[in-house]
PDB file of N, CA and C in Angstrom:
ATOM      1  N   UNK A   1      58.880  -7.277 -50.051  1.00  0.00           N
ATOM      2  CA  UNK A   1      57.780  -6.577 -49.407  1.00  0.00           C
ATOM      3  C   UNK A   1      56.467  -6.388 -49.831  1.00  0.00           C
ATOM      4  N   UNK A   2      56.362  -7.169 -51.020  1.00  0.00           N
ATOM      5  CA  UNK A   2      55.030  -7.545 -51.565  1.00  0.00           C
ATOM      6  C   UNK A   2      53.810  -8.024 -50.598  1.00  0.00           C
ATOM      7  N   UNK A   3      54.533  -9.012 -49.088  1.00  0.00           N
ATOM      8  CA  UNK A   3      53.576  -9.201 -48.356  1.00  0.00           C
ATOM      9  C   UNK A   3      53.448  -8.027 -47.304  1.00  0.00           C
ATOM     10  N   UNK A   4      54.553  -7.136 -47.669  1.00  0.00           N
ATOM     11  CA  UNK A   4      53.981  -5.766 -46.053  1.00  0.00           C
ATOM     12  C   UNK A   4      52.901  -5.705 -47.066  1.00  0.00           C
ATOM     13  N   UNK A   5      52.858  -5.426 -47.786  1.00  0.00           N
ATOM     14  CA  UNK A   5      51.903  -4.266 -48.384  1.00  0.00           C
ATOM     15  C   UNK A   5      50.451  -5.106 -48.488  1.00  0.00           C
ATOM     16  N   UNK A   6      50.164  -6.645 -48.751  1.00  0.00           N
ATOM     17  CA  UNK A   6      49.294  -7.389 -48.076  1.00  0.00           C
ATOM     18  C   UNK A   6      48.484  -6.739 -46.646  1.00  0.00           C
ATOM     19  N   UNK A   7      49.659  -7.071 -46.072  1.00  0.00           N
ATOM     20  CA  UNK A   7      49.502  -6.934 -44.660  1.00  0.00           C
ATOM     21  C   UNK A   7      48.997  -5.711 -44.266  1.00  0.00           C
ATOM     22  N   UNK A   8      49.463  -4.324 -45.240  1.00  0.00           N
ATOM     23  CA  UNK A   8      48.957  -2.907 -44.515  1.00  0.00           C
ATOM     24  C   UNK A   8      47.656  -3.161 -45.400  1.00  0.00           C
ATOM     25  N   UNK A   9      47.455  -3.655 -46.244  1.00  0.00           N
ATOM     26  CA  UNK A   9      45.657  -3.358 -47.372  1.00  0.00           C
ATOM     27  C   UNK A   9      44.511  -4.308 -45.947  1.00  0.00           C
ATOM     28  N   UNK A  10      45.446  -5.375 -45.761  1.00  0.00           N
ATOM     29  CA  UNK A  10      44.345  -5.672 -44.669  1.00  0.00           C
ATOM     30  C   UNK A  10      44.311  -5.011 -43.530  1.00  0.00           C
ATOM     31  N   UNK A  11      44.873  -4.474 -42.483  1.00  0.00           N
ATOM     32  CA  UNK A  11      45.218  -4.030 -41.781  1.00  0.00           C
ATOM     33  C   UNK A  11      43.815  -2.112 -41.901  1.00  0.00           C
ATOM     34  N   UNK A  12      43.945  -2.510 -42.977  1.00  0.00           N
ATOM     35  CA  UNK A  12      43.123  -1.071 -43.741  1.00  0.00           C
ATOM     36  C   UNK A  12      41.979  -1.632 -43.959  1.00  0.00           C
ATOM     37  N   UNK A  13      41.677  -2.061 -44.428  1.00  0.00           N
ATOM     38  CA  UNK A  13      40.775  -3.380 -44.389  1.00  0.00           C
ATOM     39  C   UNK A  13      39.802  -3.519 -43.265  1.00  0.00           C
ATOM     40  N   UNK A  14      40.482  -3.908 -42.066  1.00  0.00           N
ATOM     41  CA  UNK A  14      40.135  -4.573 -40.779  1.00  0.00           C
ATOM     42  C   UNK A  14      39.266  -3.094 -40.742  1.00  0.00           C
ATOM     43  N   UNK A  15      40.481  -2.423 -40.510  1.00  0.00           N
ATOM     44  CA  UNK A  15      40.148  -0.386 -39.594  1.00  0.00           C
ATOM     45  C   UNK A  15      38.917   0.150 -39.409  1.00  0.00           C
ATOM     46  N   UNK A  16      38.828  -0.201 -41.768  1.00  0.00           N
ATOM     47  CA  UNK A  16      37.490   0.500 -41.985  1.00  0.00           C
ATOM     48  C   UNK A  16      36.187  -0.417 -41.880  1.00  0.00           C
ATOM     49  N   UNK A  17      36.195  -2.042 -41.435  1.00  0.00           N
ATOM     50  CA  UNK A  17      35.511  -2.800 -41.679  1.00  0.00           C
ATOM     51  C   UNK A  17      34.662  -2.306 -40.151  1.00  0.00           C
ATOM     52  N   UNK A  18      36.038  -2.027 -39.291  1.00  0.00           N
ATOM     53  CA  UNK A  18      35.396  -2.128 -37.719  1.00  0.00           C
ATOM     54  C   UNK A  18      34.199  -1.172 -37.528  1.00  0.00           C
ATOM     55  N   UNK A  19      34.708   0.002 -38.185  1.00  0.00           N
ATOM     56  CA  UNK A  19      34.272   1.780 -38.069  1.00  0.00           C
ATOM     57  C   UNK A  19      32.757   1.730 -38.506  1.00  0.00           C
ATOM     58  N   UNK A  20      33.173   0.575 -39.761  1.00  0.00           N
ATOM     59  CA  UNK A  20      31.369   0.286 -41.151  1.00  0.00           C
ATOM     60  C   UNK A  20      30.769  -0.191 -39.732  1.00  0.00           C
ATOM     61  N   UNK A  21      31.010  -1.817 -39.280  1.00  0.00           N
ATOM     62  CA  UNK A  21      30.456  -2.573 -38.339  1.00  0.00           C
ATOM     63  C   UNK A  21      29.054  -1.627 -37.593  1.00  0.00           C
ATOM     64  N   UNK A  22      30.058  -1.027 -36.426  1.00  0.00           N
ATOM     65  CA  UNK A  22      29.458  -0.368 -34.838  1.00  0.00           C
ATOM     66  C   UNK A  22      28.283   0.619 -36.135  1.00  0.00           C
ATOM     67  N   UNK A  23      28.605   0.829 -37.371  1.00  0.00           N
ATOM     68  CA  UNK A  23      27.592   2.009 -37.794  1.00  0.00           C
ATOM     69  C   UNK A  23      26.519   1.310 -38.360  1.00  0.00           C
ATOM     70  N   UNK A  24      27.319   0.584 -39.384  1.00  0.00           N
ATOM     71  CA  UNK A  24      25.606  -0.771 -39.104  1.00  0.00           C
ATOM     72  C   UNK A  24      25.130  -0.540 -38.093  1.00  0.00           C
ATOM     73  N   UNK A  25      25.221  -1.457 -37.141  1.00  0.00           N
ATOM     74  CA  UNK A  25      24.805  -1.591 -35.772  1.00  0.00           C
ATOM     75  C   UNK A  25      23.999  -0.773 -35.496  1.00  0.00           C
ATOM     76  N   UNK A  26      24.177   0.588 -35.319  1.00  0.00           N
ATOM     77  CA  UNK A  26      23.708   1.625 -34.257  1.00  0.00           C
ATOM     78  C   UNK A  26      22.651   2.042 -35.607  1.00  0.00           C
ATOM     79  N   UNK A  27      22.775   2.361 -36.724  1.00  0.00           N
ATOM     80  CA  UNK A  27      22.108   2.224 -37.971  1.00  0.00           C
ATOM     81  C   UNK A  27      20.411   1.784 -37.607  1.00  0.00           C
ATOM     82  N   UNK A  28      20.839   0.394 -37.398  1.00  0.00           N
ATOM     83  CA  UNK A  28      19.609  -0.439 -37.679  1.00  0.00           C
ATOM     84  C   UNK A  28      18.968  -0.829 -36.060  1.00  0.00           C
ATOM     85  N   UNK A  29      19.994   0.061 -35.191  1.00  0.00           N
ATOM     86  CA  UNK A  29      19.030  -0.454 -34.056  1.00  0.00           C
ATOM     87  C   UNK A  29      19.573  -1.722 -32.932  1.00  0.00           C
ATOM     88  N   UNK A  30      20.563  -1.999 -33.610  1.00  0.00           N
ATOM     89  CA  UNK A  30      21.213  -3.425 -33.358  1.00  0.00           C
ATOM     90  C   UNK A  30      22.394  -3.080 -31.764  1.00  0.00           C
ATOM     91  N   UNK A  31      22.294  -2.406 -31.227  1.00  0.00           N
ATOM     92  CA  UNK A  31      22.940  -2.267 -30.280  1.00  0.00           C
ATOM     93  C   UNK A  31      22.102  -2.149 -29.039  1.00  0.00           C
ATOM     94  N   UNK A  32      21.747  -2.984 -28.522  1.00  0.00           N
ATOM     95  CA  UNK A  32      20.715  -3.280 -27.200  1.00  0.00           C
ATOM     96  C   UNK A  32      21.769  -2.639 -26.085  1.00  0.00           C
ATOM     97  N   UNK A  33      22.778  -2.393 -25.900  1.00  0.00           N
ATOM     98  CA  UNK A  33      23.563  -2.318 -24.794  1.00  0.00           C
ATOM     99  C   UNK A  33      23.402  -0.099 -24.625  1.00  0.00           C
ATOM    100  N   UNK A  34      22.936   0.375 -26.022  1.00  0.00           N
ATOM    101  CA  UNK A  34      22.707   1.784 -25.480  1.00  0.00           C
ATOM    102  C   UNK A  34      21.698   2.164 -24.298  1.00  0.00           C
ATOM    103  N   UNK A  35      20.933   0.862 -24.163  1.00  0.00           N
ATOM    104  CA  UNK A  35      19.879   1.188 -23.224  1.00  0.00           C
ATOM    105  C   UNK A  35      20.356   0.389 -21.833  1.00  0.00           C
ATOM    106  N   UNK A  36      20.939  -0.406 -21.813  1.00  0.00           N
ATOM    107  CA  UNK A  36      21.033  -1.416 -20.940  1.00  0.00           C
ATOM    108  C   UNK A  36      22.707  -1.687 -19.997  1.00  0.00           C
ATOM    109  N   UNK A  37      23.504  -1.080 -20.485  1.00  0.00           N
ATOM    110  CA  UNK A  37      25.207  -1.059 -20.276  1.00  0.00           C
ATOM    111  C   UNK A  37      25.917   0.475 -21.424  1.00  0.00           C
ATOM    112  N   UNK A  38      25.382   1.597 -20.847  1.00  0.00           N
ATOM    113  CA  UNK A  38      25.584   2.779 -21.736  1.00  0.00           C
ATOM    114  C   UNK A  38      27.388   3.037 -21.359  1.00  0.00           C
ATOM    115  N   UNK A  39      27.388   2.943 -19.878  1.00  0.00           N
ATOM    116  CA  UNK A  39      28.426   3.202 -19.641  1.00  0.00           C
ATOM    117  C   UNK A  39      29.780   2.239 -20.662  1.00  0.00           C
ATOM    118  N   UNK A  40      29.615   1.376 -20.515  1.00  0.00           N
ATOM    119  CA  UNK A  40      30.273   0.169 -20.896  1.00  0.00           C
ATOM    120  C   UNK A  40      30.275  -0.246 -21.818  1.00  0.00           C
ATOM    121  N   UNK A  41      29.347   0.378 -22.881  1.00  0.00           N
ATOM    122  CA  UNK A  41      29.221   0.743 -23.995  1.00  0.00           C
ATOM    123  C   UNK A  41      30.013   1.569 -24.322  1.00  0.00           C
ATOM    124  N   UNK A  42      30.164   2.524 -24.036  1.00  0.00           N
ATOM    125  CA  UNK A  42      31.109   4.037 -24.562  1.00  0.00           C
ATOM    126  C   UNK A  42      32.310   3.282 -24.453  1.00  0.00           C
ATOM    127  N   UNK A  43      32.902   3.034 -23.452  1.00  0.00           N
ATOM    128  CA  UNK A  43      34.345   2.859 -23.053  1.00  0.00           C
ATOM    129  C   UNK A  43      34.633   1.066 -24.082  1.00  0.00           C
ATOM    130  N   UNK A  44      34.273   0.835 -24.404  1.00  0.00           N
ATOM    131  CA  UNK A  44      34.420  -0.533 -25.543  1.00  0.00           C
ATOM    132  C   UNK A  44      34.326   0.088 -26.953  1.00  0.00           C
ATOM    133  N   UNK A  45      33.295   0.910 -27.134  1.00  0.00           N
ATOM    134  CA  UNK A  45      32.997   1.783 -28.719  1.00  0.00           C
ATOM    135  C   UNK A  45      34.663   2.866 -28.401  1.00  0.00           C
ATOM    136  N   UNK A  46      34.913   2.950 -27.706  1.00  0.00           N
ATOM    137  CA  UNK A  46      36.086   4.118 -27.567  1.00  0.00           C
ATOM    138  C   UNK A  46      37.520   3.137 -27.936  1.00  0.00           C
ATOM    139  N   UNK A  47      37.369   2.172 -27.199  1.00  0.00           N
ATOM    140  CA  UNK A  47      38.542   1.155 -27.763  1.00  0.00           C
ATOM    141  C   UNK A  47      38.219   0.436 -28.777  1.00  0.00           C
ATOM    142  N   UNK A  48      36.999   0.566 -29.312  1.00  0.00           N
ATOM    143  CA  UNK A  48      37.519  -0.131 -30.849  1.00  0.00           C
ATOM    144  C   UNK A  48      37.571   0.794 -31.752  1.00  0.00           C
ATOM    145  N   UNK A  49      37.291   2.330 -31.617  1.00  0.00           N
ATOM    146  CA  UNK A  49      37.074   3.321 -32.488  1.00  0.00           C
ATOM    147  C   UNK A  49      39.096   3.572 -32.453  1.00  0.00           C
ATOM    148  N   UNK A  50      39.937   3.394 -31.617  1.00  0.00           N
ATOM    149  CA  UNK A  50      40.907   3.874 -31.385  1.00  0.00           C
ATOM    150  C   UNK A  50      41.911   2.395 -32.240  1.00  0.00           C
ATOM    151  N   UNK A  51      41.579   1.427 -32.148  1.00  0.00           N
ATOM    152  CA  UNK A  51      42.099   0.193 -33.237  1.00  0.00           C
ATOM    153  C   UNK A  51      41.276  -0.027 -34.102  1.00  0.00           C
ATOM    154  N   UNK A  52      40.410   0.236 -34.659  1.00  0.00           N
ATOM    155  CA  UNK A  52      40.365   1.033 -35.742  1.00  0.00           C
ATOM    156  C   UNK A  52      41.350   2.057 -36.838  1.00  0.00           C
ATOM    157  N   UNK A  53      40.680   2.968 -35.732  1.00  0.00           N
ATOM    158  CA  UNK A  53      42.139   4.437 -36.295  1.00  0.00           C
ATOM    159  C   UNK A  53      43.564   4.052 -36.368  1.00  0.00           C
ATOM    160  N   UNK A  54      43.774   3.242 -35.324  1.00  0.00           N
ATOM    161  CA  UNK A  54      45.199   2.791 -35.687  1.00  0.00           C
ATOM    162  C   UNK A  54      45.599   1.633 -36.638  1.00  0.00           C
ATOM    163  N   UNK A  55      44.867   0.753 -36.869  1.00  0.00           N
ATOM    164  CA  UNK A  55      45.170   0.385 -38.143  1.00  0.00           C
ATOM    165  C   UNK A  55      44.523   0.607 -39.572  1.00  0.00           C
ATOM    166  N   UNK A  56      44.175   1.887 -39.333  1.00  0.00           N
ATOM    167  CA  UNK A  56      44.072   2.446 -40.816  1.00  0.00           C
ATOM    168  C   UNK A  56      45.516   3.422 -40.895  1.00  0.00           C
ATOM    169  N   UNK A  57      45.795   3.589 -40.210  1.00  0.00           N
ATOM    170  CA  UNK A  57      47.083   4.529 -39.494  1.00  0.00           C
ATOM    171  C   UNK A  57      48.421   3.701 -39.881  1.00  0.00           C
ATOM    172  N   UNK A  58      48.289   2.423 -39.381  1.00  0.00           N
ATOM    173  CA  UNK A  58      49.234   1.780 -39.331  1.00  0.00           C
ATOM    174  C   UNK A  58      49.358   1.120 -40.808  1.00  0.00           C
ATOM    175  N   UNK A  59      48.241   0.857 -41.381  1.00  0.00           N
ATOM    176  CA  UNK A  59      48.403   0.466 -43.294  1.00  0.00           C
ATOM    177  C   UNK A  59      48.398   1.355 -43.440  1.00  0.00           C
ATOM    178  N   UNK A  60      48.296   2.600 -43.219  1.00  0.00           N
ATOM    179  CA  UNK A  60      48.545   3.827 -44.127  1.00  0.00           C
ATOM    180  C   UNK A  60      50.430   3.557 -43.764  1.00  0.00           C
ATOM    181  N   UNK A  61      50.640   3.653 -42.994  1.00  0.00           N
ATOM    182  CA  UNK A  61      52.596   3.437 -42.375  1.00  0.00           C
ATOM    183  C   UNK A  61      53.275   3.141 -42.865  1.00  0.00           C
ATOM    184  N   UNK A  62      52.472   1.642 -43.846  1.00  0.00           N
ATOM    185  CA  UNK A  62      53.147   0.460 -43.877  1.00  0.00           C
ATOM    186  C   UNK A  62      53.616   0.123 -45.393  1.00  0.00           C
ATOM    187  N   UNK A  63      52.334   1.185 -45.856  1.00  0.00           N
ATOM    188  CA  UNK A  63      52.074   1.037 -47.497  1.00  0.00           C
ATOM    189  C   UNK A  63      53.058   2.170 -47.917  1.00  0.00           C
ATOM    190  N   UNK A  64      53.824   3.701 -46.703  1.00  0.00           N
ATOM    191  CA  UNK A  64      54.896   4.425 -47.198  1.00  0.00           C
ATOM    192  C   UNK A  64      56.122   3.762 -46.616  1.00  0.00           C
ATOM    193  N   UNK A  65      56.182   2.570 -46.310  1.00  0.00           N
ATOM    194  CA  UNK A  65      57.458   1.789 -45.919  1.00  0.00           C
ATOM    195  C   UNK A  65      58.514   3.340 -44.768  1.00  0.00           C
ATOM    196  N   UNK A  66      57.707   3.543 -43.965  1.00  0.00           N
ATOM    197  CA  UNK A  66      57.946   3.936 -42.780  1.00  0.00           C
ATOM    198  C   UNK A  66      57.928   2.969 -41.598  1.00  0.00           C
ATOM    199  N   UNK A  67      59.170   3.989 -40.292  1.00  0.00           N
ATOM    200  CA  UNK A  67      59.359   3.461 -39.497  1.00  0.00           C
ATOM    201  C   UNK A  67      57.965   3.230 -38.293  1.00  0.00           C
ATOM    202  N   UNK A  68      57.676   4.531 -38.389  1.00  0.00           N
ATOM    203  CA  UNK A  68      56.492   3.991 -37.746  1.00  0.00           C
ATOM    204  C   UNK A  68      55.484   3.587 -37.796  1.00  0.00           C
ATOM    205  N   UNK A  69      55.031   2.834 -39.115  1.00  0.00           N
ATOM    206  CA  UNK A  69      53.850   2.473 -39.360  1.00  0.00           C
ATOM    207  C   UNK A  69      54.230   0.454 -39.188  1.00  0.00           C
ATOM    208  N   UNK A  70      55.673   0.241 -39.297  1.00  0.00           N
ATOM    209  CA  UNK A  70      55.933  -0.826 -39.034  1.00  0.00           C
ATOM    210  C   UNK A  70      55.538  -1.035 -37.137  1.00  0.00           C
ATOM    211  N   UNK A  71      56.121  -0.071 -36.315  1.00  0.00           N
ATOM    212  CA  UNK A  71      55.637  -0.081 -34.631  1.00  0.00           C
ATOM    213  C   UNK A  71      54.345   0.413 -34.353  1.00  0.00           C
ATOM    214  N   UNK A  72      53.659   1.124 -35.362  1.00  0.00           N
ATOM    215  CA  UNK A  72      52.484   1.042 -35.489  1.00  0.00           C
ATOM    216  C   UNK A  72      51.696  -0.196 -35.353  1.00  0.00           C
ATOM    217  N   UNK A  73      51.830  -0.706 -36.204  1.00  0.00           N
ATOM    218  CA  UNK A  73      51.404  -2.002 -37.060  1.00  0.00           C
ATOM    219  C   UNK A  73      51.897  -3.571 -35.649  1.00  0.00           C
ATOM    220  N   UNK A  74      52.434  -3.425 -35.340  1.00  0.00           N
ATOM    221  CA  UNK A  74      52.632  -4.041 -33.549  1.00  0.00           C
ATOM    222  C   UNK A  74      51.721  -3.885 -32.976  1.00  0.00           C
ATOM    223  N   UNK A  75      51.810  -2.425 -32.367  1.00  0.00           N
ATOM    224  CA  UNK A  75      50.848  -1.642 -31.467  1.00  0.00           C
ATOM    225  C   UNK A  75      49.129  -2.556 -31.892  1.00  0.00           C
ATOM    226  N   UNK A  76      48.500  -1.887 -33.013  1.00  0.00           N
ATOM    227  CA  UNK A  76      47.180  -2.021 -33.678  1.00  0.00           C
ATOM    228  C   UNK A  76      46.890  -3.779 -33.848  1.00  0.00           C
ATOM    229  N   UNK A  77      47.711  -4.851 -34.268  1.00  0.00           N
ATOM    230  CA  UNK A  77      47.845  -5.830 -34.237  1.00  0.00           C
ATOM    231  C   UNK A  77      47.227  -6.242 -33.430  1.00  0.00           C
ATOM    232  N   UNK A  78      48.351  -5.937 -31.945  1.00  0.00           N
ATOM    233  CA  UNK A  78      47.501  -6.358 -30.770  1.00  0.00           C
ATOM    234  C   UNK A  78      46.830  -5.538 -30.223  1.00  0.00           C
ATOM    235  N   UNK A  79      46.344  -4.956 -30.171  1.00  0.00           N
ATOM    236  CA  UNK A  79      44.820  -4.231 -29.967  1.00  0.00           C
ATOM    237  C   UNK A  79      43.114  -5.308 -30.602  1.00  0.00           C
ATOM    238  N   UNK A  80      44.254  -5.363 -31.955  1.00  0.00           N
ATOM    239  CA  UNK A  80      42.545  -6.142 -32.841  1.00  0.00           C
ATOM    240  C   UNK A  80      43.020  -7.496 -32.546  1.00  0.00           C
ATOM    241  N   UNK A  81      43.916  -8.578 -32.069  1.00  0.00           N
ATOM    242  CA  UNK A  81      43.848  -9.559 -31.519  1.00  0.00           C
ATOM    243  C   UNK A  81      42.963  -9.322 -30.180  1.00  0.00           C
ATOM    244  N   UNK A  82      43.136  -8.886 -29.661  1.00  0.00           N
ATOM    245  CA  UNK A  82      42.377  -8.744 -28.227  1.00  0.00           C
ATOM    246  C   UNK A  82      40.475  -8.667 -28.133  1.00  0.00           C
ATOM    247  N   UNK A  83      40.654  -7.429 -29.518  1.00  0.00           N
ATOM    248  CA  UNK A  83      39.574  -7.580 -29.720  1.00  0.00           C
ATOM    249  C   UNK A  83      38.494  -8.737 -30.020  1.00  0.00           C
ATOM    250  N   UNK A  84      39.190  -9.389 -31.204  1.00  0.00           N
ATOM    251  CA  UNK A  84      38.735 -10.416 -32.059  1.00  0.00           C
ATOM    252  C   UNK A  84      38.972 -12.023 -30.944  1.00  0.00           C
ATOM    253  N   UNK A  85      39.523 -11.505 -30.059  1.00  0.00           N
ATOM    254  CA  UNK A  85      39.140 -12.881 -29.047  1.00  0.00           C
ATOM    255  C   UNK A  85      38.327 -12.410 -28.281  1.00  0.00           C
ATOM    256  N   UNK A  86      38.092 -10.961 -27.504  1.00  0.00           N
ATOM    257  CA  UNK A  86      36.783 -10.656 -26.239  1.00  0.00           C
ATOM    258  C   UNK A  86      35.064 -10.868 -27.552  1.00  0.00           C
ATOM    259  N   UNK A  87      35.490 -10.300 -28.530  1.00  0.00           N
ATOM    260  CA  UNK A  87      34.427 -10.383 -28.992  1.00  0.00           C
ATOM    261  C   UNK A  87      33.444 -11.753 -29.175  1.00  0.00           C
ATOM    262  N   UNK A  88      33.694 -12.427 -29.992  1.00  0.00           N
ATOM    263  CA  UNK A  88      32.922 -13.533 -29.864  1.00  0.00           C
ATOM    264  C   UNK A  88      32.273 -14.229 -29.185  1.00  0.00           C
ATOM    265  N   UNK A  89      32.839 -14.176 -27.907  1.00  0.00           N
ATOM    266  CA  UNK A  89      31.940 -14.245 -26.569  1.00  0.00           C
ATOM    267  C   UNK A  89      30.070 -14.166 -26.521  1.00  0.00           C
ATOM    268  N   UNK A  90      30.058 -12.536 -27.025  1.00  0.00           N
ATOM    269  CA  UNK A  90      29.110 -12.427 -27.027  1.00  0.00           C
ATOM    270  C   UNK A  90      28.107 -13.174 -28.307  1.00  0.00           C
ATOM    271  N   UNK A  91      29.341 -12.849 -29.723  1.00  0.00           N
ATOM    272  CA  UNK A  91      27.748 -13.542 -30.319  1.00  0.00           C
ATOM    273  C   UNK A  91      28.050 -15.251 -30.252  1.00  0.00           C
ATOM    274  N   UNK A  92      28.747 -15.964 -29.059  1.00  0.00           N
ATOM    275  CA  UNK A  92      28.279 -17.352 -29.476  1.00  0.00           C
ATOM    276  C   UNK A  92      26.984 -16.919 -27.948  1.00  0.00           C
ATOM    277  N   UNK A  93      27.126 -16.284 -27.283  1.00  0.00           N
ATOM    278  CA  UNK A  93      26.040 -16.318 -26.040  1.00  0.00           C
ATOM    279  C   UNK A  93      24.360 -15.825 -26.880  1.00  0.00           C
ATOM    280  N   UNK A  94      24.481 -15.049 -28.479  1.00  0.00           N
ATOM    281  CA  UNK A  94      23.278 -14.765 -28.872  1.00  0.00           C
ATOM    282  C   UNK A  94      23.530 -15.844 -30.165  1.00  0.00           C
ATOM    283  N   UNK A  95      24.376 -16.503 -30.521  1.00  0.00           N
ATOM    284  CA  UNK A  95      24.515 -18.009 -31.240  1.00  0.00           C
ATOM    285  C   UNK A  95      24.503 -17.689 -32.658  1.00  0.00           C
ATOM    286  N   UNK A  96      25.261 -16.308 -32.849  1.00  0.00           N
ATOM    287  CA  UNK A  96      25.682 -15.975 -34.252  1.00  0.00           C
ATOM    288  C   UNK A  96      26.546 -16.814 -35.284  1.00  0.00           C
ATOM    289  N   UNK A  97      26.895 -17.783 -35.671  1.00  0.00           N
ATOM    290  CA  UNK A  97      27.167 -18.409 -35.853  1.00  0.00           C
ATOM    291  C   UNK A  97      28.422 -17.637 -36.944  1.00  0.00           C
ATOM    292  N   UNK A  98      27.918 -17.004 -38.108  1.00  0.00           N
ATOM    293  CA  UNK A  98      28.456 -16.460 -38.987  1.00  0.00           C
ATOM    294  C   UNK A  98      29.726 -15.027 -38.515  1.00  0.00           C
ATOM    295  N   UNK A  99      29.325 -14.785 -37.241  1.00  0.00           N
ATOM    296  CA  UNK A  99      30.258 -14.020 -36.522  1.00  0.00           C
ATOM    297  C   UNK A  99      31.058 -14.468 -35.945  1.00  0.00           C
ATOM    298  N   UNK A 100      30.868 -15.796 -35.081  1.00  0.00           N
ATOM    299  CA  UNK A 100      32.400 -16.748 -34.607  1.00  0.00           C
ATOM    300  C   UNK A 100      32.974 -16.832 -36.001  1.00  0.00           C
ATOM    301  N   UNK A 101      32.498 -17.546 -37.164  1.00  0.00           N
ATOM    302  CA  UNK A 101      33.213 -18.370 -38.080  1.00  0.00           C
ATOM    303  C   UNK A 101      34.420 -16.277 -38.377  1.00  0.00           C
ATOM    304  N   UNK A 102      33.516 -15.278 -38.646  1.00  0.00           N
ATOM    305  CA  UNK A 102      34.284 -14.523 -39.032  1.00  0.00           C
ATOM    306  C   UNK A 102      35.352 -14.338 -38.344  1.00  0.00           C
ATOM    307  N   UNK A 103      35.395 -13.915 -36.823  1.00  0.00           N
ATOM    308  CA  UNK A 103      36.533 -13.487 -36.017  1.00  0.00           C
ATOM    309  C   UNK A 103      37.436 -14.681 -35.868  1.00  0.00           C
ATOM    310  N   UNK A 104      37.105 -16.209 -35.776  1.00  0.00           N
ATOM    311  CA  UNK A 104      38.323 -17.378 -36.104  1.00  0.00           C
ATOM    312  C   UNK A 104      39.103 -16.872 -37.666  1.00  0.00           C
ATOM    313  N   UNK A 105      38.304 -16.603 -38.424  1.00  0.00           N
ATOM    314  CA  UNK A 105      39.143 -16.429 -39.942  1.00  0.00           C
ATOM    315  C   UNK A 105      40.105 -15.107 -39.650  1.00  0.00           C
ATOM    316  N   UNK A 106      39.752 -13.990 -39.086  1.00  0.00           N
ATOM    317  CA  UNK A 106      40.286 -12.451 -38.666  1.00  0.00           C
ATOM    318  C   UNK A 106      41.094 -13.272 -37.585  1.00  0.00           C
ATOM    319  N   UNK A 107      41.088 -13.546 -36.837  1.00  0.00           N
ATOM    320  CA  UNK A 107      42.116 -14.044 -35.881  1.00  0.00           C
ATOM    321  C   UNK A 107      43.674 -14.650 -36.474  1.00  0.00           C
ATOM    322  N   UNK A 108      43.167 -15.951 -36.765  1.00  0.00           N
ATOM    323  CA  UNK A 108      44.236 -16.513 -37.612  1.00  0.00           C
ATOM    324  C   UNK A 108      44.779 -15.342 -39.048  1.00  0.00           C
ATOM    325  N   UNK A 109      43.780 -14.478 -39.468  1.00  0.00           N
ATOM    326  CA  UNK A 109      44.974 -14.384 -40.574  1.00  0.00           C
ATOM    327  C   UNK A 109      45.672 -12.604 -40.149  1.00  0.00           C
ATOM    328  N   UNK A 110      45.118 -12.567 -38.852  1.00  0.00           N
ATOM    329  CA  UNK A 110      46.098 -11.294 -37.856  1.00  0.00           C
ATOM    330  C   UNK A 110      47.154 -11.835 -37.270  1.00  0.00           C
ATOM    331  N   UNK A 111      47.116 -13.137 -37.068  1.00  0.00           N
ATOM    332  CA  UNK A 111      48.571 -13.232 -37.005  1.00  0.00           C
ATOM    333  C   UNK A 111      49.680 -14.282 -37.749  1.00  0.00           C
ATOM    334  N   UNK A 112      48.989 -14.576 -39.209  1.00  0.00           N
ATOM    335  CA  UNK A 112      50.033 -14.583 -40.578  1.00  0.00           C
ATOM    336  C   UNK A 112      50.272 -13.238 -40.614  1.00  0.00           C
ATOM    337  N   UNK A 113      49.824 -12.554 -40.751  1.00  0.00           N
ATOM    338  CA  UNK A 113      49.992 -10.758 -41.360  1.00  0.00           C
ATOM    339  C   UNK A 113      51.039 -10.135 -40.081  1.00  0.00           C
ATOM    340  N   UNK A 114      50.915 -11.008 -39.082  1.00  0.00           N
ATOM    341  CA  UNK A 114      51.879 -10.012 -37.439  1.00  0.00           C
ATOM    342  C   UNK A 114      53.018 -10.879 -37.906  1.00  0.00           C
ATOM    343  N   UNK A 115      53.165 -12.065 -38.018  1.00  0.00           N
ATOM    344  CA  UNK A 115      54.249 -13.444 -38.327  1.00  0.00           C
ATOM    345  C   UNK A 115      55.484 -12.429 -39.774  1.00  0.00           C
ATOM    346  N   UNK A 116      54.409 -12.275 -40.783  1.00  0.00           N
ATOM    347  CA  UNK A 116      54.913 -11.687 -42.276  1.00  0.00           C
ATOM    348  C   UNK A 116      55.717 -10.412 -41.675  1.00  0.00           C
ATOM    349  N   UNK A 117      54.297  -9.556 -41.319  1.00  0.00           N
ATOM    350  CA  UNK A 117      55.124  -8.298 -41.069  1.00  0.00           C
ATOM    351  C   UNK A 117      57.061  -8.089 -40.156  1.00  0.00           C
ATOM    352  N   UNK A 118      57.239  -9.015 -38.959  1.00  0.00           N
ATOM    353  CA  UNK A 118      57.997  -9.020 -38.578  1.00  0.00           C
ATOM    354  C   UNK A 118      59.013 -10.212 -38.671  1.00  0.00           C
ATOM    355  N   UNK A 119      58.601 -11.108 -39.288  1.00  0.00           N
ATOM    356  CA  UNK A 119      59.771 -11.459 -40.633  1.00  0.00           C
ATOM    357  C   UNK A 119      60.266 -10.469 -42.120  1.00  0.00           C
ATOM    358  N   UNK A 120      59.539  -9.971 -42.252  1.00  0.00           N
ATOM    359  CA  UNK A 120      59.907  -9.009 -43.415  1.00  0.00           C
ATOM    360  C   UNK A 120      60.063  -7.775 -43.205  1.00  0.00           C
ATOM    361  N   UNK A 121      61.023  -7.654 -42.064  1.00  0.00           N
ATOM    362  CA  UNK A 121      61.017  -5.975 -41.745  1.00  0.00           C
ATOM    363  C   UNK A 121      62.016  -5.516 -41.994  1.00  0.00           C
ATOM    364  N   UNK A 122      62.235  -4.600 -42.840  1.00  0.00           N
ATOM    365  CA  UNK A 122      62.527  -3.725 -43.824  1.00  0.00           C
ATOM    366  C   UNK A 122      62.752  -2.416 -43.177  1.00  0.00           C
ATOM    367  N   UNK A 123      63.048  -1.649 -42.855  1.00  0.00           N
ATOM    368  CA  UNK A 123      62.866  -0.323 -42.112  1.00  0.00           C
ATOM    369  C   UNK A 123      64.103  -0.233 -41.354  1.00  0.00           C
TER     370      UNK A 123
END
């Protein structure tokens, strides 16, 4: 159960970080796509927002040991993996190595915690 708690905290931290990252990008004016691709960006941000909210909710559900928390975690983990596989392309084009490393680490951790949750299903 301790590993499930770690997975839950990871999900909550990643979800909050996603919301925080986009807030910082917006407040600092670091989203050029607001001008160049507003419709595409709107859909992208909507998907990221849903992913973040589901991660936070799934983490809370896991902490409370609910059956819906487990199921929601599986969905949210799939959504965040897709995001973490797609997003590095943008940062690869801009040459931002720090973000590439961050996404690589997060992909590995997401797969690890997903395996932990599946292995330790106690619900």
